[in-house]
Protein backbone atom coordinates (compact mmCIF):
# COMPACT_ATOMS: atom_id res chain seq x y z
CA UNK A 1 151.05 98.40 33.09
CA UNK A 2 154.19 99.36 34.88
CA UNK A 3 152.07 101.74 37.34
CA UNK A 4 150.08 98.67 38.14
CA UNK A 5 153.29 96.39 38.80
CA UNK A 6 155.68 98.53 40.91
CA UNK A 7 153.52 98.70 43.80
CA UNK A 8 152.23 94.82 43.39
CA UNK A 9 156.30 94.54 43.75
CA UNK A 10 156.62 97.06 46.31
CA UNK A 11 153.80 94.96 48.66
CA UNK A 12 155.42 91.71 47.82
CA UNK A 13 158.77 92.98 48.75
CA UNK A 14 157.42 94.38 51.84
CA UNK A 15 155.58 91.14 52.30
CA UNK A 16 158.66 88.92 51.91
CA UNK A 17 161.04 90.89 54.55
CA UNK A 18 158.41 91.27 57.49
CA UNK A 19 159.81 89.32 60.52
CA UNK A 20 157.57 86.15 60.60
CA UNK A 21 156.39 85.19 63.89
CA UNK A 22 157.80 81.94 64.73
CA UNK A 23 155.24 79.72 67.21
CA UNK A 24 156.78 78.89 70.28
CA UNK A 25 158.89 75.88 71.28
CA UNK A 26 157.45 73.94 73.50
CA UNK A 27 159.15 70.81 75.73
CA UNK A 28 156.41 68.59 77.99
CA UNK A 29 157.25 65.69 80.31
CA UNK A 30 153.86 63.90 79.99
CA UNK A 31 151.02 63.84 77.66
CA UNK A 32 148.18 64.84 79.39
CA UNK A 33 150.81 68.62 79.62
CA UNK A 34 151.00 68.38 75.83
CA UNK A 35 147.15 67.77 75.43
CA UNK A 36 146.33 70.53 77.56
CA UNK A 37 149.36 73.30 76.20
CA UNK A 38 147.02 71.99 72.36
CA UNK A 39 143.60 72.98 73.87
CA UNK A 40 145.01 76.15 75.24
CA UNK A 41 147.75 76.96 72.18
CA UNK A 42 146.82 74.91 68.86
CA UNK A 43 149.04 75.90 66.22
CA UNK A 44 150.56 78.75 67.65
CA UNK A 45 153.32 76.33 69.61
CA UNK A 46 155.41 73.14 68.24
CA UNK A 47 155.17 70.76 70.95
CA UNK A 48 157.74 67.67 71.69
CA UNK A 49 156.52 65.42 74.26
CA UNK A 50 159.28 63.70 76.37
CA UNK A 51 157.22 60.32 76.88
CA UNK A 52 154.22 58.84 76.27
CA UNK A 53 151.58 57.01 78.44
CA UNK A 54 153.22 53.22 77.84
CA UNK A 55 156.51 53.97 79.74
CA UNK A 56 156.51 54.80 83.38
CA UNK A 57 156.79 58.63 84.08
CA UNK A 58 159.16 58.28 86.91
CA UNK A 59 161.67 56.88 84.77
CA UNK A 60 162.93 57.61 81.71
CA UNK A 61 166.43 57.73 79.93
CA UNK A 62 167.77 61.03 79.61
CA UNK A 63 168.39 60.29 75.81
CA UNK A 64 170.82 62.61 73.51
CA UNK A 65 167.56 63.53 71.82
CA UNK A 66 165.52 64.45 75.00
CA UNK A 67 168.45 66.99 75.69
CA UNK A 68 169.08 68.20 72.28
CA UNK A 69 164.76 69.21 72.37
CA UNK A 70 164.88 70.58 75.80
CA UNK A 71 167.67 73.16 75.10
CA UNK A 72 165.80 74.44 72.16
CA UNK A 73 162.45 74.73 74.22
CA UNK A 74 161.21 78.38 74.94
CA UNK A 75 158.85 76.51 77.90
CA UNK A 76 158.99 73.33 79.49
CA UNK A 77 155.51 72.04 80.87
CA UNK A 78 155.82 69.49 83.60
CA UNK A 79 154.09 67.70 86.38
CA UNK A 80 156.91 68.66 89.02
CA UNK A 81 156.39 67.55 92.59
CA UNK A 82 159.13 65.02 92.11
CA UNK A 83 157.62 63.03 89.67
CA UNK A 84 160.44 63.82 86.95
CA UNK A 85 162.98 63.93 89.68
CA UNK A 86 164.97 61.23 88.04
CA UNK A 87 165.61 62.05 84.89
CA UNK A 88 164.64 65.39 84.23
CA UNK A 89 166.98 67.54 86.34
CA UNK A 90 169.63 66.53 84.35
CA UNK A 91 168.31 66.84 81.08
CA UNK A 92 167.68 70.20 81.99
CA UNK A 93 171.19 70.79 83.35
CA UNK A 94 173.23 69.37 79.98
CA UNK A 95 170.34 71.16 77.80
CA UNK A 96 172.33 74.57 79.06
CA UNK A 97 168.93 76.15 79.07
CA UNK A 98 168.93 79.11 81.26
CA UNK A 99 165.56 79.68 80.79
CA UNK A 100 164.11 76.48 81.46
CA UNK A 101 165.27 76.53 85.25
CA UNK A 102 163.17 76.68 88.54
CA UNK A 103 161.80 80.24 88.87
CA UNK A 104 162.22 81.57 85.18
CA UNK A 105 159.21 81.97 82.84
CA UNK A 106 160.53 79.07 80.45
CA UNK A 107 159.82 76.59 83.24
CA UNK A 108 156.15 75.59 84.16
CA UNK A 109 155.33 72.65 87.03
CA UNK A 110 151.59 71.81 86.60
CA UNK A 111 151.49 70.38 90.30
CA UNK A 112 152.43 74.22 91.44
CA UNK A 113 148.53 75.09 91.00
CA UNK A 114 146.98 72.44 93.06
CA UNK A 115 146.46 71.36 96.49
CA UNK A 116 149.13 68.00 97.12
CA UNK A 117 147.47 65.11 98.57
CA UNK A 118 149.73 62.66 100.69
CA UNK A 119 152.69 64.73 101.32
CA UNK A 120 154.53 62.88 103.71
CA UNK A 121 156.01 63.34 107.32
CA UNK A 122 158.67 61.36 107.12
CA UNK A 123 160.69 60.95 103.97
CA UNK A 124 162.94 57.99 104.92
CA UNK A 125 163.39 56.25 101.37
CA UNK A 126 163.58 53.07 103.10
CA UNK A 127 159.45 53.29 102.60
CA UNK A 128 159.83 53.30 98.83
CA UNK A 129 159.93 55.81 95.97
CA UNK A 130 158.20 58.78 98.50
CA UNK A 131 157.72 62.24 96.78
CA UNK A 132 158.25 64.58 99.42
CA UNK A 133 155.74 67.37 97.69
CA UNK A 134 153.18 64.97 97.99
CA UNK A 135 151.20 62.80 95.69
CA UNK A 136 152.53 63.72 91.91
CA UNK A 137 149.71 62.11 90.01
CA UNK A 138 147.78 64.92 89.75
CA UNK A 139 146.10 65.04 86.19
CA UNK A 140 143.18 62.22 87.45
CA UNK A 141 141.11 64.62 88.84
CA UNK A 142 139.70 66.69 86.14
CA UNK A 143 138.77 69.40 88.26
CA UNK A 144 142.97 70.49 88.66
CA UNK A 145 142.97 71.35 85.03
CA UNK A 146 141.24 74.20 85.51
CA UNK A 147 143.56 76.27 87.37
CA UNK A 148 146.60 74.60 85.38
CA UNK A 149 144.59 75.66 82.38
CA UNK A 150 144.35 79.48 83.90
CA UNK A 151 148.27 79.65 85.48
CA UNK A 152 149.48 77.88 82.01
CA UNK A 153 147.39 80.42 79.56
CA UNK A 154 149.07 83.15 81.79
CA UNK A 155 152.56 81.79 81.21
CA UNK A 156 152.10 81.64 77.00
CA UNK A 157 150.77 84.97 76.98
CA UNK A 158 153.95 85.79 79.02
CA UNK A 159 156.09 84.64 76.50
CA UNK A 160 154.44 85.15 73.30
CA UNK A 161 152.31 88.42 74.19
CA UNK A 162 151.98 88.80 70.66
CA UNK A 163 148.91 86.37 70.54
CA UNK A 164 147.75 87.10 73.70
CA UNK A 165 143.88 88.08 72.62
CA UNK A 166 144.38 84.22 71.03
CA UNK A 167 145.63 82.53 73.84
CA UNK A 168 142.84 84.30 76.00
CA UNK A 169 140.00 83.42 73.83
CA UNK A 170 141.56 79.80 73.74
CA UNK A 171 141.62 79.27 77.29
CA UNK A 172 137.99 80.77 77.99
CA UNK A 173 136.34 78.04 75.32
CA UNK A 174 138.13 75.18 77.42
CA UNK A 175 137.40 76.78 80.37
CA UNK A 176 133.43 76.91 79.66
CA UNK A 177 133.55 73.33 77.96
CA UNK A 178 135.81 71.43 80.20
CA UNK A 179 133.18 72.67 82.98
CA UNK A 180 130.69 71.55 81.36
CA UNK A 181 132.46 67.88 80.88
CA UNK A 182 133.24 67.65 84.81
CA UNK A 183 129.44 67.81 85.42
CA UNK A 184 128.87 65.34 82.45
CA UNK A 185 131.50 62.74 84.25
CA UNK A 186 130.46 63.44 87.85
CA UNK A 187 127.01 62.53 86.62
CA UNK A 188 128.14 59.11 84.85
CA UNK A 189 130.61 58.01 87.41
CA UNK A 190 127.79 58.70 90.37
CA UNK A 191 127.61 54.51 90.80
CA UNK A 192 131.32 54.61 91.42
CA UNK A 193 130.80 56.72 94.77
CA UNK A 194 131.95 54.39 97.70
CA UNK A 195 132.84 51.55 95.42
CA UNK A 196 136.23 49.34 97.02
CA UNK A 197 138.80 48.53 94.62
CA UNK A 198 142.28 47.68 95.13
CA UNK A 199 145.34 49.62 92.87
CA UNK A 200 148.58 48.65 91.75
CA UNK A 201 150.20 51.72 92.14
CA UNK A 202 149.37 54.20 94.66
CA UNK A 203 148.71 56.24 91.54
CA UNK A 204 144.90 57.44 91.75
CA UNK A 205 144.75 59.30 94.90
CA UNK A 206 142.99 62.47 93.22
CA UNK A 207 140.78 60.52 91.06
CA UNK A 208 139.24 58.61 94.54
CA UNK A 209 139.37 62.76 96.23
CA UNK A 210 137.29 63.60 92.88
CA UNK A 211 135.00 60.67 92.06
CA UNK A 212 134.46 58.80 95.21
CA UNK A 213 136.25 55.67 94.84
CA UNK A 214 137.74 53.74 98.06
CA UNK A 215 141.10 52.36 97.73
CA UNK A 216 141.23 49.13 100.19
CA UNK A 217 144.49 47.58 99.09
CA UNK A 218 147.76 48.67 97.18
CA UNK A 219 149.50 45.76 95.45
CA UNK A 220 153.14 47.48 95.66
CA UNK A 221 154.50 46.93 99.30
CA UNK A 222 155.95 49.90 99.11
CA UNK A 223 155.85 52.93 95.99
CA UNK A 224 157.82 51.97 92.58
CA UNK A 225 158.26 47.95 94.00
CA UNK A 226 157.22 45.00 92.21
CA UNK A 227 155.04 42.93 94.51
CA UNK A 228 156.62 39.18 95.44
CA UNK A 229 153.90 36.32 95.43
CA UNK A 230 153.90 36.23 98.88
CA UNK A 231 153.08 39.95 99.44
CA UNK A 232 150.32 39.17 96.63
CA UNK A 233 149.10 36.58 98.62
CA UNK A 234 148.84 38.96 101.89
CA UNK A 235 146.56 41.06 99.59
CA UNK A 236 144.15 38.31 98.82
CA UNK A 237 144.05 37.84 103.16
CA UNK A 238 143.34 41.49 103.00
CA UNK A 239 140.55 41.22 100.86
CA UNK A 240 139.17 38.49 102.55
CA UNK A 241 137.95 40.83 105.15
CA UNK A 242 137.59 44.04 103.04
CA UNK A 243 136.55 42.80 99.65
CA UNK A 244 136.92 44.74 96.30
CA UNK A 245 134.97 44.91 92.96
CA UNK A 246 138.04 45.53 91.32
CA UNK A 247 141.70 45.40 90.42
CA UNK A 248 142.91 48.61 88.81
CA UNK A 249 146.65 49.04 86.82
CA UNK A 250 147.48 51.55 84.75
CA UNK A 251 148.24 50.75 81.09
CA UNK A 252 152.09 50.99 81.44
CA UNK A 253 152.46 49.00 84.34
CA UNK A 254 153.06 45.25 84.18
CA UNK A 255 150.24 43.31 83.76
CA UNK A 256 151.22 40.42 86.11
CA UNK A 257 150.38 41.44 89.16
CA UNK A 258 147.09 42.84 89.13
CA UNK A 259 146.28 39.81 86.96
CA UNK A 260 147.19 37.04 89.59
CA UNK A 261 145.07 39.41 92.16
CA UNK A 262 142.19 39.04 89.71
CA UNK A 263 142.17 35.31 88.93
CA UNK A 264 142.28 34.65 92.66
CA UNK A 265 140.20 37.03 94.45
CA UNK A 266 137.38 36.80 91.29
CA UNK A 267 137.39 40.42 90.19
CA UNK A 268 137.99 42.41 87.41
CA UNK A 269 140.77 43.51 86.06
CA UNK A 270 140.16 47.23 85.05
CA UNK A 271 143.31 48.88 82.98
CA UNK A 272 143.02 52.41 82.73
CA UNK A 273 145.22 54.81 80.04
CA UNK A 274 146.23 56.83 82.74
CA UNK A 275 147.33 59.17 80.32
CA UNK A 276 146.51 60.50 76.76
CA UNK A 277 147.31 57.63 74.63
CA UNK A 278 147.23 54.98 77.19
CA UNK A 279 144.27 53.38 75.14
CA UNK A 280 142.88 53.39 71.85
CA UNK A 281 139.64 55.65 73.38
CA UNK A 282 141.85 58.32 74.86
CA UNK A 283 143.04 60.08 72.07
CA UNK A 284 142.69 63.60 73.57
CA UNK A 285 142.30 65.28 77.15
CA UNK A 286 138.35 64.59 77.01
CA UNK A 287 138.36 61.05 75.84
CA UNK A 288 140.93 60.31 78.31
CA UNK A 289 138.19 60.85 81.11
CA UNK A 290 135.60 59.66 79.16
CA UNK A 291 137.47 56.44 78.64
CA UNK A 292 138.47 56.00 82.14
CA UNK A 293 134.67 56.90 83.46
CA UNK A 294 133.72 53.78 81.73
CA UNK A 295 136.15 51.40 82.17
CA UNK A 296 135.67 51.63 85.74
CA UNK A 297 131.98 51.58 85.24
CA UNK A 298 132.53 48.41 83.04
CA UNK A 299 134.94 46.86 85.68
CA UNK A 300 132.24 47.32 88.61
CA UNK A 301 129.19 46.08 86.46
CA UNK A 302 131.11 42.73 85.58
CA UNK A 303 131.79 41.87 89.09
């Protein structure tokens, strides 16, 4: 019996003394990057998301809890392109996390891997909340996730080389499934091509470039500025010359401007999830686009 017990005890002791490979601590700025990181890393990471889909990602309070989470993060994944300019630099500075700074492996900005749209020539701040590097709402073009996923997977491998094979297999599976999904979404969304709509905020440029929607007006007089009734009345006049099929806003936005336009222009109001979790039907990255396209098609059909 002793001859059996001693080897078993030795193996148990050896297992207990072996170093445990801890999950990578990841801090994401927006839900879409949380969802992508989960697709690529599954249970190899612990993720804390700074915002949710019912928050304006431009404006977030730099709470002590966010600073504490950023302090422990081994990887920070954000949009970049100045989307988080009002809050993320403060959080990272106060966190003291030297690895989560520009140029370090622990700092990943998704916008670095796509072609930016609407880069302003004039940076006069009197023109509203302009972003010097271009429109930051890159995630509404499903095609953008392919190069971003490839780059993010490479970063995970760099930070956690022990799980290289796992990350590469997850990337391959995601890429194949995502490419198939893009083909399906483009086929479903074909009736949207060339359809005119009004946007509450300049948030849909990448979606328009992908699906071919035609944006004929924006409710905000300047980016980030709530429209007055007088400005909305001007939009109504504009729509008499350039009619629209629907008025679109994101789930986190004030509903009053889009409802005002919808009632007076006699067009449907379409509320898009904008990010994962913005609606009941957008639980993950795939259903975000399923729900977005379904809502746009329903809005067009109801006109």
